[in-house]
Amino acid sequence: MGTAGTFDALPMLGRGKHRNPKKGACFMELASFLAGERWSDHPQCTHPLLAMLARAVNDLTSDAARPRLSTMIPSVIGLTSDDPRWDVHIALRAARAALPVSPADRQQTLAVAVFGAERMLDVLDGRPDGTLGPESEAALAATPQTAEWARRFCAGTHVKPKRFVRDAAPSVVSTAVQGISEAYVPDRDARLRELLEATIHDARSWAGLEARAGELRAEQWAEVVRPATV
């Protein structure tokens, strides 16, 4: 292990599923490994939507940048809850992060997602109807015509929180990560990492845990590391 912020070895993160550590690993497979669970990219130790976000970011980050995600893996262990607010907030953060930079064919979906998630929070938190957080207002302001279309589209619609969590939230997260990965910006990898990092930070706060990432120990990665090149 190197000095603070540097590592002599990093996990061999790869896209998709892997049969065992010797075949490689994705972000959540290594989380299952560290948590002592059965090898899986859907471990019980992490909230399902947060795990989905981590898998998507892992798969759509470039090969060169993917090893940098590994320092966050210990931080997702134990982050789970049945509170639907977790799902709504995860989806909302993803939509807000992606909306300003995503290709036009994804922006309508993301703008609708922002309004829809905020509406879910109105219901779950007992807020006045139509409340928008400042981050949502800023994201919508970046695409004013799309935002106005989405506002009209959502007018009068009603979705129950349970259905939003089951159906809409996973679709929003998938669309958002895809949108960032397709954006015409030079820092796509950084944006994907920042989204995952910020979401983990949020979840640790909701769970009453320290915000900082867990400490990595070289021996934890003995079977799944390579010399660091980044």
Protein backbone atom coordinates (compact mmCIF):
# COMPACT_ATOMS: atom_id res chain seq x y z
CA MET A 1 0.00 0.00 0.00
CA GLY A 2 1.28 3.45 -0.83
CA THR A 3 0.89 6.75 0.96
CA ALA A 4 -2.45 8.50 1.47
CA GLY A 5 -4.43 8.53 -1.76
CA THR A 6 -2.05 6.17 -3.61
CA PHE A 7 -1.96 2.38 -3.86
CA ASP A 8 0.67 -0.11 -4.98
CA ALA A 9 -2.05 -2.47 -6.17
CA LEU A 10 -5.62 -2.02 -7.33
CA PRO A 11 -8.43 -4.55 -7.90
CA MET A 12 -8.82 -5.81 -11.46
CA LEU A 13 -12.23 -4.29 -11.99
CA GLY A 14 -13.91 -5.34 -15.20
CA ARG A 15 -17.26 -4.98 -16.93
CA GLY A 16 -20.11 -7.40 -16.32
CA LYS A 17 -20.34 -10.54 -14.24
CA HIS A 18 -17.44 -12.84 -13.37
CA ARG A 19 -17.56 -16.44 -12.21
CA ASN A 20 -14.93 -16.00 -9.49
CA PRO A 21 -12.17 -13.59 -8.46
CA LYS A 22 -9.61 -15.27 -10.70
CA LYS A 23 -11.78 -14.37 -13.70
CA GLY A 24 -11.93 -10.73 -12.62
CA ALA A 25 -14.51 -8.74 -10.71
CA CYS A 26 -16.88 -5.82 -10.91
CA PHE A 27 -17.46 -3.24 -8.18
CA MET A 28 -20.29 -5.10 -6.45
CA GLU A 29 -18.70 -8.53 -6.78
CA LEU A 30 -15.75 -7.21 -4.80
CA ALA A 31 -18.19 -5.75 -2.26
CA SER A 32 -19.65 -9.23 -1.79
CA PHE A 33 -16.10 -10.59 -1.45
CA LEU A 34 -15.18 -8.08 1.26
CA ALA A 35 -18.51 -8.54 3.05
CA GLY A 36 -17.93 -12.29 3.32
CA GLU A 37 -20.99 -13.09 1.24
CA ARG A 38 -21.42 -15.55 -1.59
CA TRP A 39 -19.70 -14.19 -4.73
CA SER A 40 -22.34 -12.08 -6.46
CA ASP A 41 -22.90 -8.72 -8.13
CA HIS A 42 -26.20 -8.47 -6.19
CA PRO A 43 -25.00 -8.89 -2.59
CA GLN A 44 -27.32 -8.44 0.37
CA CYS A 45 -24.93 -5.96 2.00
CA THR A 46 -25.88 -3.02 -0.24
CA HIS A 47 -29.14 -1.27 -1.09
CA PRO A 48 -30.38 -2.68 -4.44
CA LEU A 49 -30.60 0.67 -6.24
CA LEU A 50 -27.23 1.84 -4.93
CA ALA A 51 -25.77 -1.48 -6.08
CA MET A 52 -27.37 -1.00 -9.48
CA LEU A 53 -25.80 2.45 -9.74
CA ALA A 54 -22.41 1.02 -8.79
CA ARG A 55 -22.68 -1.73 -11.42
CA ALA A 56 -23.70 0.75 -14.10
CA VAL A 57 -20.89 3.18 -13.27
CA ASN A 58 -18.43 0.29 -13.17
CA ASP A 59 -19.51 -0.96 -16.60
CA LEU A 60 -19.61 2.42 -18.35
CA THR A 61 -16.40 3.86 -16.94
CA SER A 62 -13.42 3.52 -19.25
CA ASP A 63 -10.92 0.71 -18.66
CA ALA A 64 -8.21 3.23 -17.77
CA ALA A 65 -10.30 5.00 -15.13
CA ARG A 66 -12.19 2.04 -13.65
CA PRO A 67 -9.53 1.04 -11.06
CA ARG A 68 -10.03 4.41 -9.35
CA LEU A 69 -13.52 3.28 -8.34
CA SER A 70 -12.09 0.56 -6.12
CA THR A 71 -11.35 2.84 -3.17
CA MET A 72 -15.11 3.29 -2.68
CA ILE A 73 -15.99 -0.41 -2.52
CA PRO A 74 -15.69 -0.87 1.27
CA SER A 75 -17.98 2.12 1.78
CA VAL A 76 -21.05 0.42 0.28
CA ILE A 77 -20.93 -2.55 2.63
CA GLY A 78 -23.79 -2.33 5.12
CA LEU A 79 -25.58 0.45 3.28
CA THR A 80 -29.13 -0.84 2.93
CA SER A 81 -32.62 0.14 4.02
CA ASP A 82 -36.29 -0.50 3.27
CA ASP A 83 -37.04 3.23 3.40
CA PRO A 84 -38.41 4.27 -0.04
CA ARG A 85 -36.80 7.68 0.39
CA TRP A 86 -33.46 6.06 -0.34
CA ASP A 87 -34.65 4.97 -3.77
CA VAL A 88 -36.21 8.33 -4.53
CA HIS A 89 -33.15 10.31 -3.49
CA ILE A 90 -30.76 8.00 -5.38
CA ALA A 91 -32.83 8.33 -8.55
CA LEU A 92 -33.19 12.08 -8.11
CA ARG A 93 -29.48 12.67 -7.65
CA ALA A 94 -28.71 10.60 -10.74
CA ALA A 95 -31.27 12.44 -12.87
CA ARG A 96 -30.04 15.86 -11.74
CA ALA A 97 -26.42 14.95 -12.43
CA ALA A 98 -27.18 13.64 -15.91
CA LEU A 99 -29.80 16.07 -17.19
CA PRO A 100 -27.54 19.04 -18.09
CA VAL A 101 -25.01 16.98 -20.07
CA SER A 102 -26.93 14.05 -21.53
CA PRO A 103 -27.78 13.81 -25.23
CA ALA A 104 -31.10 15.40 -26.17
CA ASP A 105 -32.84 12.05 -26.68
CA ARG A 106 -32.37 11.25 -22.97
CA GLN A 107 -33.10 14.67 -21.50
CA GLN A 108 -36.88 14.42 -21.65
CA THR A 109 -36.83 11.22 -19.61
CA LEU A 110 -34.45 12.75 -17.10
CA ALA A 111 -36.45 15.97 -16.74
CA VAL A 112 -39.61 13.95 -16.13
CA ALA A 113 -37.64 11.93 -13.57
CA VAL A 114 -36.65 15.08 -11.68
CA PHE A 115 -40.26 16.23 -11.43
CA GLY A 116 -41.45 12.73 -10.60
CA ALA A 117 -38.92 12.15 -7.83
CA GLU A 118 -39.61 15.55 -6.30
CA ARG A 119 -43.32 14.70 -6.35
CA MET A 120 -42.58 11.46 -4.52
CA LEU A 121 -40.76 13.44 -1.84
CA ASP A 122 -43.81 15.72 -1.56
CA VAL A 123 -45.82 12.60 -0.68
CA LEU A 124 -43.25 10.87 1.52
CA ASP A 125 -42.16 13.97 3.44
CA GLY A 126 -45.49 15.77 3.54
CA ARG A 127 -44.17 18.74 1.58
CA PRO A 128 -46.34 21.21 -0.34
CA ASP A 129 -47.19 19.92 -3.81
CA GLY A 130 -44.78 21.11 -6.47
CA THR A 131 -41.80 21.64 -4.18
CA LEU A 132 -38.46 21.65 -6.01
CA GLY A 133 -35.10 21.52 -4.29
CA PRO A 134 -32.48 24.04 -5.39
CA GLU A 135 -30.39 21.33 -7.06
CA SER A 136 -33.41 20.25 -9.09
CA GLU A 137 -34.16 23.83 -10.09
CA ALA A 138 -30.56 24.27 -11.26
CA ALA A 139 -30.60 21.04 -13.30
CA LEU A 140 -33.91 21.95 -14.95
CA ALA A 141 -32.70 25.47 -15.67
CA ALA A 142 -29.88 24.00 -17.76
CA THR A 143 -32.46 22.68 -20.24
CA PRO A 144 -35.36 25.18 -19.99
CA GLN A 145 -37.37 24.02 -23.01
CA THR A 146 -37.16 20.38 -22.00
CA ALA A 147 -37.99 21.31 -18.42
CA GLU A 148 -41.12 23.17 -19.50
CA TRP A 149 -42.20 20.22 -21.65
CA ALA A 150 -41.64 17.85 -18.72
CA ARG A 151 -43.57 20.13 -16.38
CA ARG A 152 -46.59 20.01 -18.70
CA PHE A 153 -46.19 16.28 -19.26
CA CYS A 154 -46.24 15.58 -15.51
CA ALA A 155 -49.20 17.86 -14.75
CA GLY A 156 -52.07 15.89 -13.32
CA THR A 157 -50.23 12.56 -13.25
CA HIS A 158 -50.14 10.46 -10.10
CA VAL A 159 -47.68 7.71 -9.27
CA LYS A 160 -47.60 5.90 -5.95
CA PRO A 161 -44.23 5.76 -4.17
CA LYS A 162 -44.22 1.96 -4.21
CA ARG A 163 -44.56 1.90 -7.99
CA PHE A 164 -41.95 4.63 -8.40
CA VAL A 165 -39.48 2.60 -6.33
CA ARG A 166 -40.24 -0.63 -8.18
CA ASP A 167 -40.45 0.60 -11.76
CA ALA A 168 -39.30 4.17 -12.25
CA ALA A 169 -36.25 4.49 -10.02
CA PRO A 170 -34.18 1.71 -11.68
CA SER A 171 -35.04 3.07 -15.12
CA VAL A 172 -34.00 6.57 -14.06
CA VAL A 173 -30.65 5.39 -12.72
CA SER A 174 -29.95 3.39 -15.89
CA THR A 175 -30.88 6.30 -18.15
CA ALA A 176 -28.83 8.77 -16.12
CA VAL A 177 -25.64 6.71 -16.16
CA GLN A 178 -26.06 6.00 -19.85
CA GLY A 179 -26.64 9.70 -20.46
CA ILE A 180 -23.46 10.74 -18.69
CA SER A 181 -21.44 8.07 -20.49
CA GLU A 182 -22.70 9.39 -23.86
CA ALA A 183 -22.29 13.08 -23.02
CA TYR A 184 -20.18 15.31 -25.26
CA VAL A 185 -17.92 16.36 -22.41
CA PRO A 186 -14.26 15.49 -21.75
CA ASP A 187 -14.78 14.40 -18.14
CA ARG A 188 -17.33 11.60 -18.45
CA ASP A 189 -15.35 9.24 -16.22
CA ALA A 190 -14.98 11.90 -13.53
CA ARG A 191 -18.70 12.68 -13.64
CA LEU A 192 -19.60 9.02 -13.26
CA ARG A 193 -17.23 8.62 -10.35
CA GLU A 194 -18.51 11.80 -8.69
CA LEU A 195 -22.10 10.61 -8.99
CA LEU A 196 -21.32 7.30 -7.33
CA GLU A 197 -19.16 8.94 -4.68
CA ALA A 198 -21.83 11.53 -3.82
CA THR A 199 -24.56 8.89 -3.66
CA ILE A 200 -22.49 6.73 -1.31
CA HIS A 201 -21.85 9.80 0.83
CA ASP A 202 -25.61 10.44 0.98
CA ALA A 203 -26.40 6.84 1.89
CA ARG A 204 -23.81 6.76 4.64
CA SER A 205 -25.38 9.91 6.04
CA TRP A 206 -28.88 8.38 5.92
CA ALA A 207 -27.53 5.28 7.67
CA GLY A 208 -25.84 7.36 10.37
CA LEU A 209 -22.36 6.25 9.34
CA GLU A 210 -19.20 8.24 8.80
CA ALA A 211 -19.05 9.79 5.35
CA ARG A 212 -15.45 8.86 4.63
CA ALA A 213 -14.55 5.73 2.71
CA GLY A 214 -13.41 2.60 4.47
CA GLU A 215 -9.73 1.89 4.68
CA LEU A 216 -8.31 -0.46 2.07
CA ARG A 217 -5.80 -3.06 3.17
CA ALA A 218 -3.59 -4.68 0.58
CA GLU A 219 -4.16 -8.19 1.92
CA GLN A 220 -7.90 -7.88 1.27
CA TRP A 221 -7.23 -7.78 -2.45
CA ALA A 222 -4.59 -10.52 -2.59
CA GLU A 223 -6.40 -12.60 -5.23
CA VAL A 224 -7.74 -9.74 -7.31
CA VAL A 225 -5.08 -7.09 -7.75
CA ARG A 226 -2.61 -5.95 -10.33
CA PRO A 227 0.13 -3.30 -10.22
CA ALA A 228 -1.42 0.14 -10.16
CA THR A 229 -1.02 2.12 -13.37
CA VAL A 230 -3.25 5.08 -12.58
